[in-house]
C-alpha atoms as a PDB file:
ATOM      1  CA  UNK A   1      59.270 151.387  86.023  1.00  0.00           C
ATOM      2  CA  UNK A   2      56.044 153.378  86.032  1.00  0.00           C
ATOM      3  CA  UNK A   3      55.223 155.734  88.904  1.00  0.00           C
ATOM      4  CA  UNK A   4      51.844 157.123  89.922  1.00  0.00           C
ATOM      5  CA  UNK A   5      52.242 160.396  91.849  1.00  0.00           C
ATOM      6  CA  UNK A   6      49.092 161.345  93.788  1.00  0.00           C
ATOM      7  CA  UNK A   7      48.255 164.780  95.201  1.00  0.00           C
ATOM      8  CA  UNK A   8      45.089 166.148  96.773  1.00  0.00           C
ATOM      9  CA  UNK A   9      45.764 169.882  97.174  1.00  0.00           C
ATOM     10  CA  UNK A  10      43.011 172.113  95.713  1.00  0.00           C
ATOM     11  CA  UNK A  11      45.445 174.621  94.174  1.00  0.00           C
ATOM     12  CA  UNK A  12      47.686 173.751  91.230  1.00  0.00           C
ATOM     13  CA  UNK A  13      49.871 176.707  92.259  1.00  0.00           C
ATOM     14  CA  UNK A  14      50.505 175.230  95.715  1.00  0.00           C
ATOM     15  CA  UNK A  15      53.848 174.242  97.150  1.00  0.00           C
ATOM     16  CA  UNK A  16      52.502 170.678  97.294  1.00  0.00           C
ATOM     17  CA  UNK A  17      52.124 170.613  93.515  1.00  0.00           C
ATOM     18  CA  UNK A  18      55.576 172.161  93.093  1.00  0.00           C
ATOM     19  CA  UNK A  19      57.055 169.358  95.206  1.00  0.00           C
ATOM     20  CA  UNK A  20      55.159 166.721  93.212  1.00  0.00           C
ATOM     21  CA  UNK A  21      56.482 168.159  89.952  1.00  0.00           C
ATOM     22  CA  UNK A  22      60.036 168.034  91.297  1.00  0.00           C
ATOM     23  CA  UNK A  23      59.618 164.392  92.329  1.00  0.00           C
ATOM     24  CA  UNK A  24      58.427 163.623  88.806  1.00  0.00           C
ATOM     25  CA  UNK A  25      61.341 165.574  87.314  1.00  0.00           C
ATOM     26  CA  UNK A  26      63.740 163.461  89.370  1.00  0.00           C
ATOM     27  CA  UNK A  27      62.045 160.239  88.272  1.00  0.00           C
ATOM     28  CA  UNK A  28      62.017 161.273  84.624  1.00  0.00           C
ATOM     29  CA  UNK A  29      65.703 162.226  84.719  1.00  0.00           C
ATOM     30  CA  UNK A  30      66.482 158.509  84.522  1.00  0.00           C
ATOM     31  CA  UNK A  31      65.853 156.909  81.101  1.00  0.00           C
ATOM     32  CA  UNK A  32      63.373 154.075  80.954  1.00  0.00           C
ATOM     33  CA  UNK A  33      61.097 155.373  83.705  1.00  0.00           C
ATOM     34  CA  UNK A  34      57.639 156.873  83.205  1.00  0.00           C
ATOM     35  CA  UNK A  35      55.315 158.726  85.547  1.00  0.00           C
ATOM     36  CA  UNK A  36      51.861 160.236  85.742  1.00  0.00           C
ATOM     37  CA  UNK A  37      50.170 162.653  88.116  1.00  0.00           C
ATOM     38  CA  UNK A  38      46.842 161.920  89.755  1.00  0.00           C
ATOM     39  CA  UNK A  39      45.450 165.281  90.917  1.00  0.00           C
ATOM     40  CA  UNK A  40      42.476 164.132  92.988  1.00  0.00           C
ATOM     41  CA  UNK A  41      41.141 167.635  93.571  1.00  0.00           C
ATOM     42  CA  UNK A  42      41.254 168.650  89.898  1.00  0.00           C
ATOM     43  CA  UNK A  43      39.761 165.316  88.863  1.00  0.00           C
ATOM     44  CA  UNK A  44      36.885 165.683  91.316  1.00  0.00           C
ATOM     45  CA  UNK A  45      37.353 162.369  93.110  1.00  0.00           C
ATOM     46  CA  UNK A  46      34.593 161.866  95.683  1.00  0.00           C
ATOM     47  CA  UNK A  47      36.167 160.784  99.004  1.00  0.00           C
ATOM     48  CA  UNK A  48      32.887 159.932 100.730  1.00  0.00           C
ATOM     49  CA  UNK A  49      32.580 156.293 101.779  1.00  0.00           C
ATOM     50  CA  UNK A  50      29.143 155.357 100.468  1.00  0.00           C
ATOM     51  CA  UNK A  51      26.607 152.561 100.874  1.00  0.00           C
ATOM     52  CA  UNK A  52      28.068 151.087  97.673  1.00  0.00           C
ATOM     53  CA  UNK A  53      31.514 150.983  99.282  1.00  0.00           C
ATOM     54  CA  UNK A  54      30.084 149.377 102.390  1.00  0.00           C
ATOM     55  CA  UNK A  55      28.293 146.729 100.323  1.00  0.00           C
ATOM     56  CA  UNK A  56      31.592 145.922  98.591  1.00  0.00           C
ATOM     57  CA  UNK A  57      33.284 145.541 101.980  1.00  0.00           C
ATOM     58  CA  UNK A  58      30.515 143.178 103.092  1.00  0.00           C
ATOM     59  CA  UNK A  59      30.845 141.268  99.790  1.00  0.00           C
ATOM     60  CA  UNK A  60      27.215 141.981  98.935  1.00  0.00           C
ATOM     61  CA  UNK A  61      27.796 144.370  96.025  1.00  0.00           C
ATOM     62  CA  UNK A  62      30.175 145.442  93.257  1.00  0.00           C
ATOM     63  CA  UNK A  63      32.731 148.247  93.346  1.00  0.00           C
ATOM     64  CA  UNK A  64      31.818 151.712  92.152  1.00  0.00           C
ATOM     65  CA  UNK A  65      33.174 152.551  88.676  1.00  0.00           C
ATOM     66  CA  UNK A  66      35.316 155.385  90.036  1.00  0.00           C
ATOM     67  CA  UNK A  67      36.941 153.031  92.542  1.00  0.00           C
ATOM     68  CA  UNK A  68      37.664 150.451  89.852  1.00  0.00           C
ATOM     69  CA  UNK A  69      39.251 153.153  87.686  1.00  0.00           C
ATOM     70  CA  UNK A  70      41.587 154.164  90.517  1.00  0.00           C
ATOM     71  CA  UNK A  71      42.522 150.555  91.240  1.00  0.00           C
ATOM     72  CA  UNK A  72      43.334 150.039  87.566  1.00  0.00           C
ATOM     73  CA  UNK A  73      45.498 153.158  87.586  1.00  0.00           C
ATOM     74  CA  UNK A  74      47.416 151.820  90.577  1.00  0.00           C
ATOM     75  CA  UNK A  75      47.668 148.374  88.974  1.00  0.00           C
ATOM     76  CA  UNK A  76      49.526 149.970  86.035  1.00  0.00           C
ATOM     77  CA  UNK A  77      52.134 151.386  88.422  1.00  0.00           C
ATOM     78  CA  UNK A  78      55.195 149.842  90.014  1.00  0.00           C
ATOM     79  CA  UNK A  79      55.558 152.763  92.417  1.00  0.00           C
ATOM     80  CA  UNK A  80      52.951 154.851  94.239  1.00  0.00           C
ATOM     81  CA  UNK A  81      54.085 158.276  95.483  1.00  0.00           C
ATOM     82  CA  UNK A  82      51.791 160.245  97.796  1.00  0.00           C
ATOM     83  CA  UNK A  83      52.628 163.963  98.070  1.00  0.00           C
ATOM     84  CA  UNK A  84      50.470 165.769 100.601  1.00  0.00           C
ATOM     85  CA  UNK A  85      50.383 168.708 103.019  1.00  0.00           C
ATOM     86  CA  UNK A  86      50.221 167.715 106.657  1.00  0.00           C
ATOM     87  CA  UNK A  87      46.756 168.591 107.990  1.00  0.00           C
ATOM     88  CA  UNK A  88      46.196 168.025 111.719  1.00  0.00           C
ATOM     89  CA  UNK A  89      49.202 165.701 111.784  1.00  0.00           C
ATOM     90  CA  UNK A  90      47.862 163.469 109.055  1.00  0.00           C
ATOM     91  CA  UNK A  91      46.996 163.592 105.357  1.00  0.00           C
ATOM     92  CA  UNK A  92      44.139 165.703 103.947  1.00  0.00           C
ATOM     93  CA  UNK A  93      40.643 164.236 104.069  1.00  0.00           C
ATOM     94  CA  UNK A  94      40.465 163.915 100.280  1.00  0.00           C
ATOM     95  CA  UNK A  95      43.537 161.693 100.182  1.00  0.00           C
ATOM     96  CA  UNK A  96      42.411 159.654 103.203  1.00  0.00           C
ATOM     97  CA  UNK A  97      38.995 159.191 101.564  1.00  0.00           C
ATOM     98  CA  UNK A  98      40.736 158.012  98.395  1.00  0.00           C
ATOM     99  CA  UNK A  99      42.518 155.354 100.450  1.00  0.00           C
ATOM    100  CA  UNK A 100      39.320 154.462 102.349  1.00  0.00           C
ATOM    101  CA  UNK A 101      37.443 153.823  99.103  1.00  0.00           C
ATOM    102  CA  UNK A 102      40.155 152.500  96.766  1.00  0.00           C
ATOM    103  CA  UNK A 103      42.173 150.195  99.042  1.00  0.00           C
ATOM    104  CA  UNK A 104      39.318 147.726  99.317  1.00  0.00           C
ATOM    105  CA  UNK A 105      39.015 144.277 100.784  1.00  0.00           C
ATOM    106  CA  UNK A 106      39.642 141.777  98.020  1.00  0.00           C
ATOM    107  CA  UNK A 107      42.005 144.124  96.177  1.00  0.00           C
ATOM    108  CA  UNK A 108      44.423 145.596  98.738  1.00  0.00           C
ATOM    109  CA  UNK A 109      43.976 142.927 101.389  1.00  0.00           C
ATOM    110  CA  UNK A 110      41.724 139.993 102.149  1.00  0.00           C
ATOM    111  CA  UNK A 111      40.708 137.710 104.952  1.00  0.00           C
ATOM    112  CA  UNK A 112      42.289 134.283 104.983  1.00  0.00           C
ATOM    113  CA  UNK A 113      41.561 131.144 106.958  1.00  0.00           C
ATOM    114  CA  UNK A 114      40.634 131.728 110.593  1.00  0.00           C
ATOM    115  CA  UNK A 115      40.533 135.494 110.066  1.00  0.00           C
ATOM    116  CA  UNK A 116      44.191 135.966 109.132  1.00  0.00           C
ATOM    117  CA  UNK A 117      44.923 139.047 107.030  1.00  0.00           C
ATOM    118  CA  UNK A 118      46.178 138.369 103.505  1.00  0.00           C
ATOM    119  CA  UNK A 119      48.314 141.232 102.194  1.00  0.00           C
ATOM    120  CA  UNK A 120      47.739 141.697  98.451  1.00  0.00           C
ATOM    121  CA  UNK A 121      49.914 144.699  97.507  1.00  0.00           C
ATOM    122  CA  UNK A 122      53.398 143.305  97.935  1.00  0.00           C
ATOM    123  CA  UNK A 123      54.239 144.185  94.334  1.00  0.00           C
ATOM    124  CA  UNK A 124      53.576 147.935  94.872  1.00  0.00           C
ATOM    125  CA  UNK A 125      56.366 150.106  96.269  1.00  0.00           C
ATOM    126  CA  UNK A 126      55.275 153.251  98.120  1.00  0.00           C
ATOM    127  CA  UNK A 127      57.007 156.586  98.718  1.00  0.00           C
ATOM    128  CA  UNK A 128      55.432 159.076 101.137  1.00  0.00           C
ATOM    129  CA  UNK A 129      56.203 162.798 101.018  1.00  0.00           C
ATOM    130  CA  UNK A 130      54.548 164.865 103.731  1.00  0.00           C
ATOM    131  CA  UNK A 131      54.867 168.655 103.569  1.00  0.00           C
ATOM    132  CA  UNK A 132      54.739 170.675 106.766  1.00  0.00           C
ATOM    133  CA  UNK A 133      55.134 174.305 107.806  1.00  0.00           C
ATOM    134  CA  UNK A 134      56.748 173.620 111.199  1.00  0.00           C
ATOM    135  CA  UNK A 135      60.453 173.030 111.801  1.00  0.00           C
ATOM    136  CA  UNK A 136      62.231 169.780 112.600  1.00  0.00           C
ATOM    137  CA  UNK A 137      62.464 170.640 116.284  1.00  0.00           C
ATOM    138  CA  UNK A 138      58.695 170.919 116.570  1.00  0.00           C
ATOM    139  CA  UNK A 139      58.180 167.556 114.868  1.00  0.00           C
ATOM    140  CA  UNK A 140      60.793 165.889 117.071  1.00  0.00           C
ATOM    141  CA  UNK A 141      59.559 167.470 120.303  1.00  0.00           C
ATOM    142  CA  UNK A 142      55.987 166.297 119.822  1.00  0.00           C
ATOM    143  CA  UNK A 143      56.768 162.988 118.092  1.00  0.00           C
ATOM    144  CA  UNK A 144      54.693 163.941 115.063  1.00  0.00           C
ATOM    145  CA  UNK A 145      56.837 162.171 112.465  1.00  0.00           C
ATOM    146  CA  UNK A 146      56.853 158.892 114.378  1.00  0.00           C
ATOM    147  CA  UNK A 147      53.111 159.110 114.979  1.00  0.00           C
ATOM    148  CA  UNK A 148      52.361 159.671 111.297  1.00  0.00           C
ATOM    149  CA  UNK A 149      54.677 156.894 110.178  1.00  0.00           C
ATOM    150  CA  UNK A 150      52.921 154.506 112.562  1.00  0.00           C
ATOM    151  CA  UNK A 151      49.507 155.569 111.312  1.00  0.00           C
ATOM    152  CA  UNK A 152      50.239 155.743 107.573  1.00  0.00           C
ATOM    153  CA  UNK A 153      53.339 153.682 106.748  1.00  0.00           C
ATOM    154  CA  UNK A 154      52.532 150.790 109.076  1.00  0.00           C
ATOM    155  CA  UNK A 155      48.798 151.135 109.621  1.00  0.00           C
ATOM    156  CA  UNK A 156      47.814 151.504 105.957  1.00  0.00           C
ATOM    157  CA  UNK A 157      50.531 150.199 103.680  1.00  0.00           C
ATOM    158  CA  UNK A 158      52.001 147.666 106.074  1.00  0.00           C
ATOM    159  CA  UNK A 159      48.520 146.216 106.484  1.00  0.00           C
ATOM    160  CA  UNK A 160      48.289 145.753 102.696  1.00  0.00           C
ATOM    161  CA  UNK A 161      51.851 144.459 102.331  1.00  0.00           C
ATOM    162  CA  UNK A 162      53.026 147.355 100.129  1.00  0.00           C
ATOM    163  CA  UNK A 163      56.678 148.060 100.985  1.00  0.00           C
ATOM    164  CA  UNK A 164      57.304 151.680 101.979  1.00  0.00           C
ATOM    165  CA  UNK A 165      60.630 152.400 100.294  1.00  0.00           C
ATOM    166  CA  UNK A 166      60.786 155.994 101.500  1.00  0.00           C
ATOM    167  CA  UNK A 167      58.952 158.166 104.034  1.00  0.00           C
ATOM    168  CA  UNK A 168      60.015 161.806 104.118  1.00  0.00           C
ATOM    169  CA  UNK A 169      58.805 165.077 105.593  1.00  0.00           C
ATOM    170  CA  UNK A 170      59.756 168.248 103.764  1.00  0.00           C
ATOM    171  CA  UNK A 171      59.499 171.104 106.256  1.00  0.00           C
ATOM    172  CA  UNK A 172      59.548 174.716 105.122  1.00  0.00           C
ATOM    173  CA  UNK A 173      59.108 177.319 107.858  1.00  0.00           C
ATOM    174  CA  UNK A 174      60.998 179.925 105.767  1.00  0.00           C
ATOM    175  CA  UNK A 175      61.968 180.713 102.149  1.00  0.00           C
ATOM    176  CA  UNK A 176      65.448 179.081 102.175  1.00  0.00           C
ATOM    177  CA  UNK A 177      63.990 175.843 103.525  1.00  0.00           C
ATOM    178  CA  UNK A 178      61.385 175.862 100.748  1.00  0.00           C
ATOM    179  CA  UNK A 179      64.167 175.913  98.186  1.00  0.00           C
ATOM    180  CA  UNK A 180      65.943 173.079  99.987  1.00  0.00           C
ATOM    181  CA  UNK A 181      62.700 171.106 100.068  1.00  0.00           C
ATOM    182  CA  UNK A 182      62.276 171.436  96.298  1.00  0.00           C
ATOM    183  CA  UNK A 183      65.826 170.196  95.740  1.00  0.00           C
ATOM    184  CA  UNK A 184      65.174 167.334  98.144  1.00  0.00           C
ATOM    185  CA  UNK A 185      61.999 166.440  96.217  1.00  0.00           C
ATOM    186  CA  UNK A 186      64.014 166.136  92.997  1.00  0.00           C
ATOM    187  CA  UNK A 187      66.571 163.971  94.811  1.00  0.00           C
ATOM    188  CA  UNK A 188      63.781 161.744  96.157  1.00  0.00           C
ATOM    189  CA  UNK A 189      62.517 161.123  92.623  1.00  0.00           C
ATOM    190  CA  UNK A 190      66.000 160.496  91.242  1.00  0.00           C
ATOM    191  CA  UNK A 191      66.809 158.166  94.130  1.00  0.00           C
ATOM    192  CA  UNK A 192      63.646 156.171  93.596  1.00  0.00           C
ATOM    193  CA  UNK A 193      64.472 155.657  89.939  1.00  0.00           C
ATOM    194  CA  UNK A 194      68.026 154.587  90.763  1.00  0.00           C
ATOM    195  CA  UNK A 195      66.928 152.146  93.490  1.00  0.00           C
ATOM    196  CA  UNK A 196      63.951 150.644  91.667  1.00  0.00           C
ATOM    197  CA  UNK A 197      65.511 147.208  90.975  1.00  0.00           C
ATOM    198  CA  UNK A 198      66.221 146.713  94.700  1.00  0.00           C
ATOM    199  CA  UNK A 199      62.895 147.772  96.272  1.00  0.00           C
ATOM    200  CA  UNK A 200      61.652 144.335  97.203  1.00  0.00           C
ATOM    201  CA  UNK A 201      64.986 143.092  98.491  1.00  0.00           C
ATOM    202  CA  UNK A 202      66.018 145.967 100.779  1.00  0.00           C
ATOM    203  CA  UNK A 203      63.125 148.369 101.436  1.00  0.00           C
ATOM    204  CA  UNK A 204      63.840 151.446 103.532  1.00  0.00           C
ATOM    205  CA  UNK A 205      61.215 152.740 105.951  1.00  0.00           C
END
């Protein structure tokens, strides 16, 4: 099993990167699994949806080389892990722009007869790890977790047919909870590696 772990935080010293490294450590603790980090900020990925992207959507042009490279990187993976700070109750713009540009019509989904959506990413398991500074009570009181899972888990990956095998929020309003979150991140990675053979038979939302 090969995992692609994607982050979009501008600082390598961030808590987001620390969580991503712990997820990878958990994955790598199981023999036979490999992983790689895609640091979109460090790599300089351009999240702007351009005229080239629009032409591809309209089937009147070819994909940009940077988009093709990202699709190929995902195609090499069995598991996609997105690790991101929660900005305005969603993912950062860089990561959303990556999805806007990379998860294209004809690769992630397509249009079938009579306008039916054809989901093309059923082979790709997805784990989501959102990182927030509020506490669980705040998320529950305002329904933030449910709203984000509807928007991201269902609205993006459900639309493409990619099974979301895990969707977690690591909340760290104080120092002890940060330590717990890092331990949880390791456990998420280890759990993914252990459950890999069963992803497509019993996915967990």
